[in-house]
Amino acid sequence: MWYAIEGRDGPDVLAKRNAARADHLARLEQLRDEGRLLLAGPCPAIDAEDPGPAGFSGSIVVARFASLDEARAWADADPYVAGGVYASVEVRPFRKVLP
């Protein structure tokens, strides 16, 4: 099943986000290579493609896991969690309808 994982950034964490980004992306690339990633990306903190120093408000990942527990465990192990980027993470089932 697909699961939506939404991490919400804490305040003033752009430097922490940048420091953990390579490891975070490596995990997403692994999901992609396994055919389990539907989409992933950050949410700019302002209405701009490149938010610059405003940074990001969080990230969204939609990926396939065997269970909600497995999706939560994957999310809990994210480098953005360990690096203090995310203040909170929500994981919930997702049903793809379109496209």
C-alpha atoms as a PDB file:
ATOM      1  CA  MET A   1       0.000   0.000   0.000  1.00  0.00           C
ATOM      2  CA  TRP A   2       1.043   3.591  -0.506  1.00  0.00           C
ATOM      3  CA  TYR A   3       1.752   5.789   2.530  1.00  0.00           C
ATOM      4  CA  ALA A   4       2.021   9.556   2.750  1.00  0.00           C
ATOM      5  CA  ILE A   5       4.815  10.747   5.004  1.00  0.00           C
ATOM      6  CA  GLU A   6       4.793  14.418   5.922  1.00  0.00           C
ATOM      7  CA  GLY A   7       7.656  15.867   7.908  1.00  0.00           C
ATOM      8  CA  ARG A   8       7.272  19.377   9.278  1.00  0.00           C
ATOM      9  CA  ASP A   9      10.433  21.397   9.773  1.00  0.00           C
ATOM     10  CA  GLY A  10      11.217  23.051  13.064  1.00  0.00           C
ATOM     11  CA  PRO A  11      12.209  26.719  13.176  1.00  0.00           C
ATOM     12  CA  ASP A  12      15.524  27.859  11.712  1.00  0.00           C
ATOM     13  CA  VAL A  13      16.676  24.410  10.544  1.00  0.00           C
ATOM     14  CA  LEU A  14      17.914  25.212   7.022  1.00  0.00           C
ATOM     15  CA  ALA A  15      21.566  24.535   7.946  1.00  0.00           C
ATOM     16  CA  LYS A  16      20.591  21.213   9.568  1.00  0.00           C
ATOM     17  CA  ARG A  17      18.509  20.321   6.505  1.00  0.00           C
ATOM     18  CA  ASN A  18      21.422  21.049   4.182  1.00  0.00           C
ATOM     19  CA  ALA A  19      23.789  18.972   6.344  1.00  0.00           C
ATOM     20  CA  ALA A  20      21.506  15.897   6.287  1.00  0.00           C
ATOM     21  CA  ARG A  21      20.273  16.273   2.689  1.00  0.00           C
ATOM     22  CA  ALA A  22      22.648  13.825   0.968  1.00  0.00           C
ATOM     23  CA  ASP A  23      21.773  10.987   3.355  1.00  0.00           C
ATOM     24  CA  HIS A  24      18.064  11.837   3.135  1.00  0.00           C
ATOM     25  CA  LEU A  25      18.176  11.755  -0.681  1.00  0.00           C
ATOM     26  CA  ALA A  26      20.093   8.459  -0.694  1.00  0.00           C
ATOM     27  CA  ARG A  27      17.220   6.764   1.146  1.00  0.00           C
ATOM     28  CA  LEU A  28      14.690   8.219  -1.310  1.00  0.00           C
ATOM     29  CA  GLU A  29      16.811   7.104  -4.264  1.00  0.00           C
ATOM     30  CA  GLN A  30      16.826   3.584  -2.828  1.00  0.00           C
ATOM     31  CA  LEU A  31      13.016   3.584  -2.685  1.00  0.00           C
ATOM     32  CA  ARG A  32      12.945   4.907  -6.262  1.00  0.00           C
ATOM     33  CA  ASP A  33      15.340   2.219  -7.461  1.00  0.00           C
ATOM     34  CA  GLU A  34      13.137  -0.434  -5.820  1.00  0.00           C
ATOM     35  CA  GLY A  35      10.068   0.970  -7.634  1.00  0.00           C
ATOM     36  CA  ARG A  36       8.468   2.002  -4.332  1.00  0.00           C
ATOM     37  CA  LEU A  37       8.556   5.825  -4.609  1.00  0.00           C
ATOM     38  CA  LEU A  38       5.578   7.688  -6.057  1.00  0.00           C
ATOM     39  CA  LEU A  39       6.803  11.212  -5.261  1.00  0.00           C
ATOM     40  CA  ALA A  40       8.991  13.133  -2.874  1.00  0.00           C
ATOM     41  CA  GLY A  41       9.937  16.737  -2.363  1.00  0.00           C
ATOM     42  CA  PRO A  42      10.243  19.688  -0.030  1.00  0.00           C
ATOM     43  CA  CYS A  43       7.619  22.340   0.652  1.00  0.00           C
ATOM     44  CA  PRO A  44       9.131  25.836   0.314  1.00  0.00           C
ATOM     45  CA  ALA A  45       8.384  28.106   3.271  1.00  0.00           C
ATOM     46  CA  ILE A  46       7.424  30.882   0.841  1.00  0.00           C
ATOM     47  CA  ASP A  47       5.694  30.910  -2.545  1.00  0.00           C
ATOM     48  CA  ALA A  48       8.860  30.452  -4.588  1.00  0.00           C
ATOM     49  CA  GLU A  49      10.585  27.598  -6.415  1.00  0.00           C
ATOM     50  CA  ASP A  50      13.810  28.519  -4.606  1.00  0.00           C
ATOM     51  CA  PRO A  51      12.954  29.909  -1.171  1.00  0.00           C
ATOM     52  CA  GLY A  52      16.551  30.916  -0.433  1.00  0.00           C
ATOM     53  CA  PRO A  53      17.163  31.685   3.235  1.00  0.00           C
ATOM     54  CA  ALA A  54      13.427  31.287   4.035  1.00  0.00           C
ATOM     55  CA  GLY A  55      14.025  27.551   3.704  1.00  0.00           C
ATOM     56  CA  PHE A  56      11.311  24.939   3.796  1.00  0.00           C
ATOM     57  CA  SER A  57       8.283  24.175   5.941  1.00  0.00           C
ATOM     58  CA  GLY A  58       8.739  20.426   5.529  1.00  0.00           C
ATOM     59  CA  SER A  59       8.687  17.561   3.051  1.00  0.00           C
ATOM     60  CA  ILE A  60       6.241  15.102   1.549  1.00  0.00           C
ATOM     61  CA  VAL A  61       7.041  11.519   0.548  1.00  0.00           C
ATOM     62  CA  VAL A  62       4.558   9.042  -0.912  1.00  0.00           C
ATOM     63  CA  ALA A  63       6.005   5.542  -1.025  1.00  0.00           C
ATOM     64  CA  ARG A  64       4.935   1.907  -0.955  1.00  0.00           C
ATOM     65  CA  PHE A  65       5.465  -0.146   2.219  1.00  0.00           C
ATOM     66  CA  ALA A  66       4.145  -3.507   3.408  1.00  0.00           C
ATOM     67  CA  SER A  67       2.390  -1.929   6.399  1.00  0.00           C
ATOM     68  CA  LEU A  68       1.787   1.272   8.309  1.00  0.00           C
ATOM     69  CA  ASP A  69       4.263   0.099  10.945  1.00  0.00           C
ATOM     70  CA  GLU A  70       6.932  -0.399   8.284  1.00  0.00           C
ATOM     71  CA  ALA A  71       6.254   3.074   6.847  1.00  0.00           C
ATOM     72  CA  ARG A  72       6.490   4.624  10.320  1.00  0.00           C
ATOM     73  CA  ALA A  73       9.749   2.807  11.042  1.00  0.00           C
ATOM     74  CA  TRP A  74      11.204   4.035   7.747  1.00  0.00           C
ATOM     75  CA  ALA A  75      10.101   7.600   8.518  1.00  0.00           C
ATOM     76  CA  ASP A  76      11.507   7.450  12.059  1.00  0.00           C
ATOM     77  CA  ALA A  77      14.919   6.459  10.651  1.00  0.00           C
ATOM     78  CA  ASP A  78      15.108   9.452   8.296  1.00  0.00           C
ATOM     79  CA  PRO A  79      18.278  11.564   8.590  1.00  0.00           C
ATOM     80  CA  TYR A  80      16.082  14.654   8.880  1.00  0.00           C
ATOM     81  CA  VAL A  81      14.631  13.192  12.084  1.00  0.00           C
ATOM     82  CA  ALA A  82      18.060  12.289  13.488  1.00  0.00           C
ATOM     83  CA  GLY A  83      19.457  15.666  12.386  1.00  0.00           C
ATOM     84  CA  GLY A  84      16.779  17.686  14.172  1.00  0.00           C
ATOM     85  CA  VAL A  85      15.194  19.039  10.973  1.00  0.00           C
ATOM     86  CA  TYR A  86      11.697  17.675  11.479  1.00  0.00           C
ATOM     87  CA  ALA A  87       9.738  18.861  14.499  1.00  0.00           C
ATOM     88  CA  SER A  88       7.036  16.308  13.699  1.00  0.00           C
ATOM     89  CA  VAL A  89       6.308  13.519  11.226  1.00  0.00           C
ATOM     90  CA  GLU A  90       2.899  12.164  10.251  1.00  0.00           C
ATOM     91  CA  VAL A  91       2.472   8.877   8.381  1.00  0.00           C
ATOM     92  CA  ARG A  92      -0.881   7.810   6.976  1.00  0.00           C
ATOM     93  CA  PRO A  93      -2.234   5.473   4.300  1.00  0.00           C
ATOM     94  CA  PHE A  94      -2.594   6.987   0.839  1.00  0.00           C
ATOM     95  CA  ARG A  95      -4.777   5.813  -2.009  1.00  0.00           C
ATOM     96  CA  LYS A  96      -3.597   6.927  -5.450  1.00  0.00           C
ATOM     97  CA  VAL A  97      -6.483   7.768  -7.761  1.00  0.00           C
ATOM     98  CA  LEU A  98      -5.024  10.084 -10.455  1.00  0.00           C
ATOM     99  CA  PRO A  99      -3.167  10.176 -12.727  1.00  0.00           C
END
